[in-house]
Amino acid sequence: MTDQTKVLTEDRGAVELSSLTAAQGTKLFTIGASSITATRDWQGQLVRFTGECSVTIPADLPDDFSCGWSQDGADPVTFVAGAGATVQSVDGNLVSGGQYAIGGIAGMGAGVVRLYGQLTA
């Protein structure tokens, strides 16, 4: 007997749970809007912004929320705190750093969210 968790699949029989989760990768989600509010649906995804966008970070994102972001185009992505939310980042930087900048959004609890990655003032 082993301590590995196995899952019974229709096409592969019993496989280790760790091999299923490792094969998932990151789901890409593309946004072309000029403004949008982050939602729980972004959890675990890499959100790609194709143009300039203002992203409102709401206070109700879960404590364990985590997603990535990418500035695909030349125009910046600006992150703003929604009502009741606190957005924290190094030096208070809230604007993506340039084309191909990448980073993430992490829920910290009690309406606090931290931005990380390639950000500027």
PDB file of N, CA and C in Angstrom:
ATOM      1  N   MET A   1       0.835  -1.185   0.000  1.00  0.00           N
ATOM      2  CA  MET A   1       0.000   0.000   0.000  1.00  0.00           C
ATOM      3  C   MET A   1       0.879   1.247   0.000  1.00  0.00           C
ATOM      4  N   THR A   2       0.500   2.232  -0.793  1.00  0.00           N
ATOM      5  CA  THR A   2       1.253   3.487  -0.837  1.00  0.00           C
ATOM      6  C   THR A   2       0.394   4.619  -0.298  1.00  0.00           C
ATOM      7  N   ASP A   3       1.036   5.749  -0.063  1.00  0.00           N
ATOM      8  CA  ASP A   3       0.288   6.901   0.421  1.00  0.00           C
ATOM      9  C   ASP A   3      -0.067   7.865  -0.718  1.00  0.00           C
ATOM     10  N   GLN A   4      -0.048   7.382  -1.938  1.00  0.00           N
ATOM     11  CA  GLN A   4      -0.408   8.187  -3.101  1.00  0.00           C
ATOM     12  C   GLN A   4      -1.919   8.180  -3.292  1.00  0.00           C
ATOM     13  N   THR A   5      -2.480   9.335  -3.570  1.00  0.00           N
ATOM     14  CA  THR A   5      -3.907   9.423  -3.874  1.00  0.00           C
ATOM     15  C   THR A   5      -4.093   9.136  -5.349  1.00  0.00           C
ATOM     16  N   LYS A   6      -4.997   8.215  -5.653  1.00  0.00           N
ATOM     17  CA  LYS A   6      -5.251   7.875  -7.049  1.00  0.00           C
ATOM     18  C   LYS A   6      -6.689   8.190  -7.406  1.00  0.00           C
ATOM     19  N   VAL A   7      -6.874   8.524  -8.673  1.00  0.00           N
ATOM     20  CA  VAL A   7      -8.190   8.853  -9.203  1.00  0.00           C
ATOM     21  C   VAL A   7      -8.478   7.888 -10.337  1.00  0.00           C
ATOM     22  N   LEU A   8      -9.684   7.354 -10.370  1.00  0.00           N
ATOM     23  CA  LEU A   8     -10.076   6.438 -11.430  1.00  0.00           C
ATOM     24  C   LEU A   8     -10.636   7.251 -12.590  1.00  0.00           C
ATOM     25  N   THR A   9     -10.003   7.150 -13.757  1.00  0.00           N
ATOM     26  CA  THR A   9     -10.465   7.878 -14.941  1.00  0.00           C
ATOM     27  C   THR A   9     -11.036   6.895 -15.948  1.00  0.00           C
ATOM     28  N   GLU A  10     -11.877   7.394 -16.835  1.00  0.00           N
ATOM     29  CA  GLU A  10     -12.483   6.529 -17.846  1.00  0.00           C
ATOM     30  C   GLU A  10     -11.474   6.071 -18.887  1.00  0.00           C
ATOM     31  N   ASP A  11     -10.534   6.937 -19.243  1.00  0.00           N
ATOM     32  CA  ASP A  11      -9.634   6.603 -20.344  1.00  0.00           C
ATOM     33  C   ASP A  11      -8.257   6.105 -19.912  1.00  0.00           C
ATOM     34  N   ARG A  12      -7.820   6.404 -18.678  1.00  0.00           N
ATOM     35  CA  ARG A  12      -6.471   6.032 -18.270  1.00  0.00           C
ATOM     36  C   ARG A  12      -6.436   5.109 -17.064  1.00  0.00           C
ATOM     37  N   GLY A  13      -7.577   4.690 -16.559  1.00  0.00           N
ATOM     38  CA  GLY A  13      -7.588   3.861 -15.361  1.00  0.00           C
ATOM     39  C   GLY A  13      -7.222   4.671 -14.133  1.00  0.00           C
ATOM     40  N   ALA A  14      -6.587   4.031 -13.171  1.00  0.00           N
ATOM     41  CA  ALA A  14      -6.198   4.714 -11.934  1.00  0.00           C
ATOM     42  C   ALA A  14      -4.899   5.480 -12.153  1.00  0.00           C
ATOM     43  N   VAL A  15      -4.933   6.780 -11.899  1.00  0.00           N
ATOM     44  CA  VAL A  15      -3.734   7.610 -12.034  1.00  0.00           C
ATOM     45  C   VAL A  15      -3.545   8.411 -10.748  1.00  0.00           C
ATOM     46  N   GLU A  16      -2.308   8.773 -10.471  1.00  0.00           N
ATOM     47  CA  GLU A  16      -2.022   9.574  -9.288  1.00  0.00           C
ATOM     48  C   GLU A  16      -2.590  10.973  -9.466  1.00  0.00           C
ATOM     49  N   LEU A  17      -3.189  11.490  -8.414  1.00  0.00           N
ATOM     50  CA  LEU A  17      -3.782  12.822  -8.439  1.00  0.00           C
ATOM     51  C   LEU A  17      -2.748  13.877  -8.821  1.00  0.00           C
ATOM     52  N   SER A  18      -1.533  13.747  -8.335  1.00  0.00           N
ATOM     53  CA  SER A  18      -0.496  14.737  -8.634  1.00  0.00           C
ATOM     54  C   SER A  18      -0.207  14.827 -10.127  1.00  0.00           C
ATOM     55  N   SER A  19      -0.322  13.718 -10.858  1.00  0.00           N
ATOM     56  CA  SER A  19      -0.066  13.769 -12.300  1.00  0.00           C
ATOM     57  C   SER A  19      -1.195  14.476 -13.044  1.00  0.00           C
ATOM     58  N   LEU A  20      -2.424  14.400 -12.523  1.00  0.00           N
ATOM     59  CA  LEU A  20      -3.537  15.108 -13.157  1.00  0.00           C
ATOM     60  C   LEU A  20      -3.415  16.611 -12.969  1.00  0.00           C
ATOM     61  N   THR A  21      -3.082  17.040 -11.759  1.00  0.00           N
ATOM     62  CA  THR A  21      -2.982  18.475 -11.510  1.00  0.00           C
ATOM     63  C   THR A  21      -1.772  19.074 -12.206  1.00  0.00           C
ATOM     64  N   ALA A  22      -0.688  18.339 -12.317  1.00  0.00           N
ATOM     65  CA  ALA A  22       0.507  18.847 -12.990  1.00  0.00           C
ATOM     66  C   ALA A  22       0.258  19.055 -14.475  1.00  0.00           C
ATOM     67  N   ALA A  23      -0.641  18.286 -15.055  1.00  0.00           N
ATOM     68  CA  ALA A  23      -0.906  18.371 -16.488  1.00  0.00           C
ATOM     69  C   ALA A  23      -1.866  19.503 -16.854  1.00  0.00           C
ATOM     70  N   GLN A  24      -2.459  20.163 -15.867  1.00  0.00           N
ATOM     71  CA  GLN A  24      -3.456  21.185 -16.154  1.00  0.00           C
ATOM     72  C   GLN A  24      -2.871  22.437 -16.779  1.00  0.00           C
ATOM     73  N   GLY A  25      -1.736  22.913 -16.316  1.00  0.00           N
ATOM     74  CA  GLY A  25      -1.174  24.147 -16.833  1.00  0.00           C
ATOM     75  C   GLY A  25      -2.000  25.351 -16.407  1.00  0.00           C
ATOM     76  N   THR A  26      -1.773  26.472 -17.066  1.00  0.00           N
ATOM     77  CA  THR A  26      -2.465  27.711 -16.740  1.00  0.00           C
ATOM     78  C   THR A  26      -3.469  28.041 -17.822  1.00  0.00           C
ATOM     79  N   LYS A  27      -4.678  28.341 -17.418  1.00  0.00           N
ATOM     80  CA  LYS A  27      -5.707  28.736 -18.370  1.00  0.00           C
ATOM     81  C   LYS A  27      -5.531  30.214 -18.694  1.00  0.00           C
ATOM     82  N   LEU A  28      -5.498  30.540 -19.975  1.00  0.00           N
ATOM     83  CA  LEU A  28      -5.359  31.923 -20.417  1.00  0.00           C
ATOM     84  C   LEU A  28      -6.728  32.541 -20.618  1.00  0.00           C
ATOM     85  N   PHE A  29      -6.860  33.786 -20.222  1.00  0.00           N
ATOM     86  CA  PHE A  29      -8.107  34.537 -20.336  1.00  0.00           C
ATOM     87  C   PHE A  29      -7.744  35.900 -20.906  1.00  0.00           C
ATOM     88  N   THR A  30      -8.244  36.246 -22.087  1.00  0.00           N
ATOM     89  CA  THR A  30      -7.870  37.486 -22.770  1.00  0.00           C
ATOM     90  C   THR A  30      -8.937  38.555 -22.608  1.00  0.00           C
ATOM     91  N   ILE A  31      -8.479  39.776 -22.296  1.00  0.00           N
ATOM     92  CA  ILE A  31      -9.375  40.917 -22.121  1.00  0.00           C
ATOM     93  C   ILE A  31      -8.966  42.026 -23.075  1.00  0.00           C
ATOM     94  N   GLY A  32      -9.946  42.512 -23.850  1.00  0.00           N
ATOM     95  CA  GLY A  32      -9.711  43.626 -24.760  1.00  0.00           C
ATOM     96  C   GLY A  32     -10.451  44.881 -24.345  1.00  0.00           C
ATOM     97  N   ALA A  33     -11.172  44.828 -23.230  1.00  0.00           N
ATOM     98  CA  ALA A  33     -11.971  45.968 -22.757  1.00  0.00           C
ATOM     99  C   ALA A  33     -11.075  47.064 -22.191  1.00  0.00           C
ATOM    100  N   SER A  34     -11.582  48.304 -22.177  1.00  0.00           N
ATOM    101  CA  SER A  34     -10.814  49.422 -21.621  1.00  0.00           C
ATOM    102  C   SER A  34     -10.975  49.537 -20.107  1.00  0.00           C
ATOM    103  N   SER A  35     -11.984  48.876 -19.554  1.00  0.00           N
ATOM    104  CA  SER A  35     -12.139  48.831 -18.097  1.00  0.00           C
ATOM    105  C   SER A  35     -12.881  47.556 -17.715  1.00  0.00           C
ATOM    106  N   ILE A  36     -12.521  47.023 -16.566  1.00  0.00           N
ATOM    107  CA  ILE A  36     -13.116  45.771 -16.110  1.00  0.00           C
ATOM    108  C   ILE A  36     -12.892  45.638 -14.601  1.00  0.00           C
ATOM    109  N   THR A  37     -13.730  44.872 -13.955  1.00  0.00           N
ATOM    110  CA  THR A  37     -13.562  44.562 -12.538  1.00  0.00           C
ATOM    111  C   THR A  37     -13.131  43.107 -12.409  1.00  0.00           C
ATOM    112  N   ALA A  38     -12.077  42.875 -11.647  1.00  0.00           N
ATOM    113  CA  ALA A  38     -11.614  41.509 -11.401  1.00  0.00           C
ATOM    114  C   ALA A  38     -12.721  40.723 -10.701  1.00  0.00           C
ATOM    115  N   THR A  39     -12.834  39.442 -11.028  1.00  0.00           N
ATOM    116  CA  THR A  39     -13.852  38.593 -10.421  1.00  0.00           C
ATOM    117  C   THR A  39     -13.222  37.298  -9.912  1.00  0.00           C
ATOM    118  N   ARG A  40     -13.980  36.588  -9.104  1.00  0.00           N
ATOM    119  CA  ARG A  40     -13.546  35.281  -8.594  1.00  0.00           C
ATOM    120  C   ARG A  40     -13.255  34.307  -9.735  1.00  0.00           C
ATOM    121  N   ASP A  41     -13.884  34.523 -10.886  1.00  0.00           N
ATOM    122  CA  ASP A  41     -13.682  33.642 -12.036  1.00  0.00           C
ATOM    123  C   ASP A  41     -12.248  33.679 -12.557  1.00  0.00           C
ATOM    124  N   TRP A  42     -11.505  34.694 -12.197  1.00  0.00           N
ATOM    125  CA  TRP A  42     -10.113  34.808 -12.638  1.00  0.00           C
ATOM    126  C   TRP A  42      -9.184  33.889 -11.846  1.00  0.00           C
ATOM    127  N   GLN A  43      -9.676  33.293 -10.781  1.00  0.00           N
ATOM    128  CA  GLN A  43      -8.864  32.433  -9.916  1.00  0.00           C
ATOM    129  C   GLN A  43      -8.068  31.426 -10.736  1.00  0.00           C
ATOM    130  N   GLY A  44      -6.756  31.391 -10.519  1.00  0.00           N
ATOM    131  CA  GLY A  44      -5.898  30.409 -11.158  1.00  0.00           C
ATOM    132  C   GLY A  44      -5.602  30.646 -12.623  1.00  0.00           C
ATOM    133  N   GLN A  45      -6.065  31.738 -13.181  1.00  0.00           N
ATOM    134  CA  GLN A  45      -5.866  32.006 -14.599  1.00  0.00           C
ATOM    135  C   GLN A  45      -4.772  33.045 -14.817  1.00  0.00           C
ATOM    136  N   LEU A  46      -4.294  33.129 -16.042  1.00  0.00           N
ATOM    137  CA  LEU A  46      -3.405  34.201 -16.469  1.00  0.00           C
ATOM    138  C   LEU A  46      -4.242  35.117 -17.346  1.00  0.00           C
ATOM    139  N   VAL A  47      -4.489  36.328 -16.849  1.00  0.00           N
ATOM    140  CA  VAL A  47      -5.339  37.290 -17.545  1.00  0.00           C
ATOM    141  C   VAL A  47      -4.455  38.138 -18.454  1.00  0.00           C
ATOM    142  N   ARG A  48      -4.732  38.072 -19.761  1.00  0.00           N
ATOM    143  CA  ARG A  48      -3.929  38.785 -20.763  1.00  0.00           C
ATOM    144  C   ARG A  48      -4.686  40.017 -21.228  1.00  0.00           C
ATOM    145  N   PHE A  49      -4.055  41.180 -21.099  1.00  0.00           N
ATOM    146  CA  PHE A  49      -4.658  42.437 -21.520  1.00  0.00           C
ATOM    147  C   PHE A  49      -4.060  42.838 -22.861  1.00  0.00           C
ATOM    148  N   THR A  50      -4.929  42.978 -23.884  1.00  0.00           N
ATOM    149  CA  THR A  50      -4.453  43.283 -25.234  1.00  0.00           C
ATOM    150  C   THR A  50      -4.343  44.775 -25.506  1.00  0.00           C
ATOM    151  N   GLY A  51      -4.916  45.598 -24.635  1.00  0.00           N
ATOM    152  CA  GLY A  51      -4.855  47.047 -24.807  1.00  0.00           C
ATOM    153  C   GLY A  51      -4.913  47.735 -23.463  1.00  0.00           C
ATOM    154  N   GLU A  52      -4.918  49.062 -23.499  1.00  0.00           N
ATOM    155  CA  GLU A  52      -4.994  49.831 -22.258  1.00  0.00           C
ATOM    156  C   GLU A  52      -6.252  49.450 -21.492  1.00  0.00           C
ATOM    157  N   CYS A  53      -6.103  49.246 -20.196  1.00  0.00           N
ATOM    158  CA  CYS A  53      -7.246  48.809 -19.393  1.00  0.00           C
ATOM    159  C   CYS A  53      -7.097  49.292 -17.958  1.00  0.00           C
ATOM    160  N   SER A  54      -8.209  49.702 -17.383  1.00  0.00           N
ATOM    161  CA  SER A  54      -8.284  50.034 -15.965  1.00  0.00           C
ATOM    162  C   SER A  54      -8.981  48.866 -15.271  1.00  0.00           C
ATOM    163  N   VAL A  55      -8.288  48.238 -14.334  1.00  0.00           N
ATOM    164  CA  VAL A  55      -8.802  47.056 -13.647  1.00  0.00           C
ATOM    165  C   VAL A  55      -9.156  47.423 -12.208  1.00  0.00           C
ATOM    166  N   THR A  56     -10.430  47.335 -11.878  1.00  0.00           N
ATOM    167  CA  THR A  56     -10.872  47.590 -10.512  1.00  0.00           C
ATOM    168  C   THR A  56     -10.750  46.303  -9.704  1.00  0.00           C
ATOM    169  N   ILE A  57     -10.099  46.411  -8.556  1.00  0.00           N
ATOM    170  CA  ILE A  57      -9.936  45.270  -7.662  1.00  0.00           C
ATOM    171  C   ILE A  57     -10.984  45.395  -6.556  1.00  0.00           C
ATOM    172  N   PRO A  58     -11.989  44.498  -6.521  1.00  0.00           N
ATOM    173  CA  PRO A  58     -13.054  44.604  -5.519  1.00  0.00           C
ATOM    174  C   PRO A  58     -12.611  44.074  -4.152  1.00  0.00           C
ATOM    175  N   ALA A  59     -13.327  44.487  -3.127  1.00  0.00           N
ATOM    176  CA  ALA A  59     -13.013  44.057  -1.757  1.00  0.00           C
ATOM    177  C   ALA A  59     -13.420  42.615  -1.482  1.00  0.00           C
ATOM    178  N   ASP A  60     -14.273  42.033  -2.326  1.00  0.00           N
ATOM    179  CA  ASP A  60     -14.816  40.707  -2.023  1.00  0.00           C
ATOM    180  C   ASP A  60     -14.072  39.542  -2.673  1.00  0.00           C
ATOM    181  N   LEU A  61     -12.853  39.763  -3.164  1.00  0.00           N
ATOM    182  CA  LEU A  61     -12.089  38.623  -3.674  1.00  0.00           C
ATOM    183  C   LEU A  61     -11.726  37.727  -2.491  1.00  0.00           C
ATOM    184  N   PRO A  62     -11.734  36.406  -2.683  1.00  0.00           N
ATOM    185  CA  PRO A  62     -11.452  35.490  -1.576  1.00  0.00           C
ATOM    186  C   PRO A  62     -10.035  35.664  -1.019  1.00  0.00           C
ATOM    187  N   ASP A  63      -9.861  35.281   0.235  1.00  0.00           N
ATOM    188  CA  ASP A  63      -8.549  35.353   0.880  1.00  0.00           C
ATOM    189  C   ASP A  63      -7.498  34.544   0.124  1.00  0.00           C
ATOM    190  N   ASP A  64      -7.911  33.438  -0.482  1.00  0.00           N
ATOM    191  CA  ASP A  64      -6.971  32.572  -1.193  1.00  0.00           C
ATOM    192  C   ASP A  64      -6.930  32.867  -2.690  1.00  0.00           C
ATOM    193  N   PHE A  65      -7.437  34.032  -3.098  1.00  0.00           N
ATOM    194  CA  PHE A  65      -7.480  34.380  -4.515  1.00  0.00           C
ATOM    195  C   PHE A  65      -6.070  34.556  -5.065  1.00  0.00           C
ATOM    196  N   SER A  66      -5.864  34.066  -6.268  1.00  0.00           N
ATOM    197  CA  SER A  66      -4.586  34.238  -6.941  1.00  0.00           C
ATOM    198  C   SER A  66      -4.791  34.119  -8.441  1.00  0.00           C
ATOM    199  N   CYS A  67      -4.287  35.098  -9.167  1.00  0.00           N
ATOM    200  CA  CYS A  67      -4.273  35.007 -10.626  1.00  0.00           C
ATOM    201  C   CYS A  67      -3.071  35.776 -11.144  1.00  0.00           C
ATOM    202  N   GLY A  68      -2.697  35.476 -12.359  1.00  0.00           N
ATOM    203  CA  GLY A  68      -1.620  36.200 -13.004  1.00  0.00           C
ATOM    204  C   GLY A  68      -2.179  37.212 -13.979  1.00  0.00           C
ATOM    205  N   TRP A  69      -1.355  38.174 -14.388  1.00  0.00           N
ATOM    206  CA  TRP A  69      -1.752  39.146 -15.403  1.00  0.00           C
ATOM    207  C   TRP A  69      -0.571  39.381 -16.341  1.00  0.00           C
ATOM    208  N   SER A  70      -0.894  39.774 -17.570  1.00  0.00           N
ATOM    209  CA  SER A  70       0.131  40.051 -18.571  1.00  0.00           C
ATOM    210  C   SER A  70      -0.308  41.220 -19.439  1.00  0.00           C
ATOM    211  N   GLN A  71       0.589  42.176 -19.649  1.00  0.00           N
ATOM    212  CA  GLN A  71       0.336  43.278 -20.573  1.00  0.00           C
ATOM    213  C   GLN A  71       0.850  42.833 -21.935  1.00  0.00           C
ATOM    214  N   ASP A  72      -0.057  42.444 -22.821  1.00  0.00           N
ATOM    215  CA  ASP A  72       0.352  41.934 -24.129  1.00  0.00           C
ATOM    216  C   ASP A  72       0.653  43.039 -25.132  1.00  0.00           C
ATOM    217  N   GLY A  73      -0.048  44.173 -25.019  1.00  0.00           N
ATOM    218  CA  GLY A  73       0.124  45.268 -25.972  1.00  0.00           C
ATOM    219  C   GLY A  73       1.034  46.361 -25.441  1.00  0.00           C
ATOM    220  N   ALA A  74       1.135  47.444 -26.209  1.00  0.00           N
ATOM    221  CA  ALA A  74       1.994  48.568 -25.840  1.00  0.00           C
ATOM    222  C   ALA A  74       1.377  49.453 -24.762  1.00  0.00           C
ATOM    223  N   ASP A  75       0.061  49.422 -24.628  1.00  0.00           N
ATOM    224  CA  ASP A  75      -0.628  50.313 -23.692  1.00  0.00           C
ATOM    225  C   ASP A  75      -0.725  49.698 -22.297  1.00  0.00           C
ATOM    226  N   PRO A  76      -0.659  50.540 -21.253  1.00  0.00           N
ATOM    227  CA  PRO A  76      -0.585  50.045 -19.878  1.00  0.00           C
ATOM    228  C   PRO A  76      -1.893  49.514 -19.306  1.00  0.00           C
ATOM    229  N   VAL A  77      -1.739  48.717 -18.272  1.00  0.00           N
ATOM    230  CA  VAL A  77      -2.850  48.231 -17.462  1.00  0.00           C
ATOM    231  C   VAL A  77      -2.706  48.922 -16.104  1.00  0.00           C
ATOM    232  N   THR A  78      -3.778  49.579 -15.661  1.00  0.00           N
ATOM    233  CA  THR A  78      -3.761  50.292 -14.385  1.00  0.00           C
ATOM    234  C   THR A  78      -4.707  49.599 -13.413  1.00  0.00           C
ATOM    235  N   PHE A  79      -4.220  49.296 -12.228  1.00  0.00           N
ATOM    236  CA  PHE A  79      -5.014  48.631 -11.204  1.00  0.00           C
ATOM    237  C   PHE A  79      -5.481  49.671 -10.190  1.00  0.00           C
ATOM    238  N   VAL A  80      -6.781  49.642  -9.859  1.00  0.00           N
ATOM    239  CA  VAL A  80      -7.349  50.591  -8.899  1.00  0.00           C
ATOM    240  C   VAL A  80      -8.161  49.829  -7.850  1.00  0.00           C
ATOM    241  N   ALA A  81      -8.160  50.347  -6.639  1.00  0.00           N
ATOM    242  CA  ALA A  81      -8.920  49.726  -5.554  1.00  0.00           C
ATOM    243  C   ALA A  81     -10.387  50.081  -5.674  1.00  0.00           C
ATOM    244  N   GLY A  82     -11.253  49.075  -5.595  1.00  0.00           N
ATOM    245  CA  GLY A  82     -12.689  49.299  -5.558  1.00  0.00           C
ATOM    246  C   GLY A  82     -13.110  49.711  -4.156  1.00  0.00           C
ATOM    247  N   ALA A  83     -14.387  50.002  -3.993  1.00  0.00           N
ATOM    248  CA  ALA A  83     -14.924  50.423  -2.694  1.00  0.00           C
ATOM    249  C   ALA A  83     -14.609  49.396  -1.615  1.00  0.00           C
ATOM    250  N   GLY A  84     -13.980  49.820  -0.544  1.00  0.00           N
ATOM    251  CA  GLY A  84     -13.667  48.947   0.578  1.00  0.00           C
ATOM    252  C   GLY A  84     -12.436  48.085   0.400  1.00  0.00           C
ATOM    253  N   ALA A  85     -11.801  48.136  -0.761  1.00  0.00           N
ATOM    254  CA  ALA A  85     -10.617  47.316  -1.023  1.00  0.00           C
ATOM    255  C   ALA A  85      -9.347  48.108  -0.728  1.00  0.00           C
ATOM    256  N   THR A  86      -8.317  47.393  -0.319  1.00  0.00           N
ATOM    257  CA  THR A  86      -6.989  47.969  -0.153  1.00  0.00           C
ATOM    258  C   THR A  86      -6.064  47.221  -1.096  1.00  0.00           C
ATOM    259  N   VAL A  87      -5.422  47.952  -2.004  1.00  0.00           N
ATOM    260  CA  VAL A  87      -4.484  47.343  -2.943  1.00  0.00           C
ATOM    261  C   VAL A  87      -3.073  47.756  -2.532  1.00  0.00           C
ATOM    262  N   GLN A  88      -2.237  46.767  -2.272  1.00  0.00           N
ATOM    263  CA  GLN A  88      -0.862  47.012  -1.842  1.00  0.00           C
ATOM    264  C   GLN A  88       0.103  46.528  -2.910  1.00  0.00           C
ATOM    265  N   SER A  89       1.226  47.249  -3.053  1.00  0.00           N
ATOM    266  CA  SER A  89       2.301  46.830  -3.947  1.00  0.00           C
ATOM    267  C   SER A  89       3.586  47.527  -3.514  1.00  0.00           C
ATOM    268  N   VAL A  90       4.702  47.050  -3.988  1.00  0.00           N
ATOM    269  CA  VAL A  90       5.983  47.674  -3.674  1.00  0.00           C
ATOM    270  C   VAL A  90       5.964  49.114  -4.171  1.00  0.00           C
ATOM    271  N   ASP A  91       6.294  50.046  -3.302  1.00  0.00           N
ATOM    272  CA  ASP A  91       6.339  51.480  -3.610  1.00  0.00           C
ATOM    273  C   ASP A  91       5.009  52.036  -4.091  1.00  0.00           C
ATOM    274  N   GLY A  92       3.912  51.298  -3.897  1.00  0.00           N
ATOM    275  CA  GLY A  92       2.597  51.776  -4.316  1.00  0.00           C
ATOM    276  C   GLY A  92       2.389  51.784  -5.819  1.00  0.00           C
ATOM    277  N   ASN A  93       3.231  51.061  -6.553  1.00  0.00           N
ATOM    278  CA  ASN A  93       3.127  51.023  -8.017  1.00  0.00           C
ATOM    279  C   ASN A  93       1.916  50.207  -8.449  1.00  0.00           C
ATOM    280  N   LEU A  94       1.100  50.791  -9.331  1.00  0.00           N
ATOM    281  CA  LEU A  94      -0.154  50.154  -9.744  1.00  0.00           C
ATOM    282  C   LEU A  94      -0.340  50.093 -11.251  1.00  0.00           C
ATOM    283  N   VAL A  95       0.716  50.356 -12.025  1.00  0.00           N
ATOM    284  CA  VAL A  95       0.623  50.367 -13.485  1.00  0.00           C
ATOM    285  C   VAL A  95       1.605  49.345 -14.047  1.00  0.00           C
ATOM    286  N   SER A  96       1.148  48.554 -15.007  1.00  0.00           N
ATOM    287  CA  SER A  96       2.026  47.559 -15.630  1.00  0.00           C
ATOM    288  C   SER A  96       3.224  48.256 -16.273  1.00  0.00           C
ATOM    289  N   GLY A  97       4.357  47.582 -16.257  1.00  0.00           N
ATOM    290  CA  GLY A  97       5.627  48.196 -16.622  1.00  0.00           C
ATOM    291  C   GLY A  97       5.954  48.319 -18.091  1.00  0.00           C
ATOM    292  N   GLY A  98       5.137  47.822 -18.980  1.00  0.00           N
ATOM    293  CA  GLY A  98       5.423  47.904 -20.407  1.00  0.00           C
ATOM    294  C   GLY A  98       4.999  46.626 -21.106  1.00  0.00           C
ATOM    295  N   GLN A  99       5.071  46.663 -22.426  1.00  0.00           N
ATOM    296  CA  GLN A  99       4.665  45.486 -23.190  1.00  0.00           C
ATOM    297  C   GLN A  99       5.432  44.259 -22.701  1.00  0.00           C
ATOM    298  N   TYR A 100       4.715  43.190 -22.500  1.00  0.00           N
ATOM    299  CA  TYR A 100       5.190  41.896 -22.004  1.00  0.00           C
ATOM    300  C   TYR A 100       5.440  41.879 -20.489  1.00  0.00           C
ATOM    301  N   ALA A 101       5.076  42.959 -19.779  1.00  0.00           N
ATOM    302  CA  ALA A 101       5.159  42.935 -18.312  1.00  0.00           C
ATOM    303  C   ALA A 101       4.208  41.854 -17.803  1.00  0.00           C
ATOM    304  N   ILE A 102       4.593  41.246 -16.697  1.00  0.00           N
ATOM    305  CA  ILE A 102       3.796  40.158 -16.148  1.00  0.00           C
ATOM    306  C   ILE A 102       3.832  40.224 -14.624  1.00  0.00           C
ATOM    307  N   GLY A 103       2.781  39.745 -13.993  1.00  0.00           N
ATOM    308  CA  GLY A 103       2.725  39.772 -12.540  1.00  0.00           C
ATOM    309  C   GLY A 103       1.529  39.004 -12.034  1.00  0.00           C
ATOM    310  N   GLY A 104       1.075  39.361 -10.846  1.00  0.00           N
ATOM    311  CA  GLY A 104      -0.040  38.641 -10.261  1.00  0.00           C
ATOM    312  C   GLY A 104      -0.817  39.470  -9.264  1.00  0.00           C
ATOM    313  N   ILE A 105      -1.956  38.909  -8.871  1.00  0.00           N
ATOM    314  CA  ILE A 105      -2.856  39.498  -7.887  1.00  0.00           C
ATOM    315  C   ILE A 105      -3.089  38.425  -6.826  1.00  0.00           C
ATOM    316  N   ALA A 106      -2.863  38.774  -5.562  1.00  0.00           N
ATOM    317  CA  ALA A 106      -3.015  37.799  -4.480  1.00  0.00           C
ATOM    318  C   ALA A 106      -3.917  38.342  -3.382  1.00  0.00           C
ATOM    319  N   GLY A 107      -4.974  37.592  -3.043  1.00  0.00           N
ATOM    320  CA  GLY A 107      -5.852  37.952  -1.934  1.00  0.00           C
ATOM    321  C   GLY A 107      -5.144  37.695  -0.615  1.00  0.00           C
ATOM    322  N   MET A 108      -5.200  38.676   0.290  1.00  0.00           N
ATOM    323  CA  MET A 108      -4.507  38.562   1.573  1.00  0.00           C
ATOM    324  C   MET A 108      -5.466  38.515   2.756  1.00  0.00           C
ATOM    325  N   GLY A 109      -6.771  38.651   2.495  1.00  0.00           N
ATOM    326  CA  GLY A 109      -7.768  38.632   3.561  1.00  0.00           C
ATOM    327  C   GLY A 109      -8.244  40.021   3.930  1.00  0.00           C
ATOM    328  N   ALA A 110      -9.452  40.103   4.445  1.00  0.00           N
ATOM    329  CA  ALA A 110     -10.055  41.352   4.933  1.00  0.00           C
ATOM    330  C   ALA A 110     -10.035  42.472   3.894  1.00  0.00           C
ATOM    331  N   GLY A 111     -10.286  42.126   2.630  1.00  0.00           N
ATOM    332  CA  GLY A 111     -10.357  43.140   1.580  1.00  0.00           C
ATOM    333  C   GLY A 111      -9.015  43.649   1.091  1.00  0.00           C
ATOM    334  N   VAL A 112      -7.925  43.011   1.530  1.00  0.00           N
ATOM    335  CA  VAL A 112      -6.581  43.419   1.124  1.00  0.00           C
ATOM    336  C   VAL A 112      -6.100  42.525  -0.015  1.00  0.00           C
ATOM    337  N   VAL A 113      -5.582  43.162  -1.062  1.00  0.00           N
ATOM    338  CA  VAL A 113      -5.044  42.450  -2.217  1.00  0.00           C
ATOM    339  C   VAL A 113      -3.643  42.988  -2.476  1.00  0.00           C
ATOM    340  N   ARG A 114      -2.722  42.105  -2.815  1.00  0.00           N
ATOM    341  CA  ARG A 114      -1.372  42.545  -3.176  1.00  0.00           C
ATOM    342  C   ARG A 114      -1.128  42.291  -4.650  1.00  0.00           C
ATOM    343  N   LEU A 115      -0.573  43.312  -5.295  1.00  0.00           N
ATOM    344  CA  LEU A 115      -0.119  43.201  -6.678  1.00  0.00           C
ATOM    345  C   LEU A 115       1.373  42.938  -6.652  1.00  0.00           C
ATOM    346  N   TYR A 116       1.832  42.112  -7.562  1.00  0.00           N
ATOM    347  CA  TYR A 116       3.267  41.886  -7.661  1.00  0.00           C
ATOM    348  C   TYR A 116       3.639  41.744  -9.123  1.00  0.00           C
ATOM    349  N   GLY A 117       4.914  41.879  -9.403  1.00  0.00           N
ATOM    350  CA  GLY A 117       5.398  41.747 -10.766  1.00  0.00           C
ATOM    351  C   GLY A 117       6.019  43.034 -11.262  1.00  0.00           C
ATOM    352  N   GLN A 118       5.987  43.183 -12.565  1.00  0.00           N
ATOM    353  CA  GLN A 118       6.627  44.317 -13.223  1.00  0.00           C
ATOM    354  C   GLN A 118       5.667  45.495 -13.257  1.00  0.00           C
ATOM    355  N   LEU A 119       5.759  46.334 -12.209  1.00  0.00           N
ATOM    356  CA  LEU A 119       4.853  47.471 -12.031  1.00  0.00           C
ATOM    357  C   LEU A 119       5.643  48.770 -11.928  1.00  0.00           C
ATOM    358  N   THR A 120       5.021  49.877 -12.358  1.00  0.00           N
ATOM    359  CA  THR A 120       5.605  51.207 -12.234  1.00  0.00           C
ATOM    360  C   THR A 120       4.589  52.132 -11.575  1.00  0.00           C
ATOM    361  N   ALA A 121       5.034  53.357 -11.319  1.00  0.00           N
ATOM    362  CA  ALA A 121       4.156  54.352 -10.667  1.00  0.00           C
ATOM    363  C   ALA A 121       3.083  54.845 -11.615  1.00  0.00           C
TER     364      ALA A 121
END
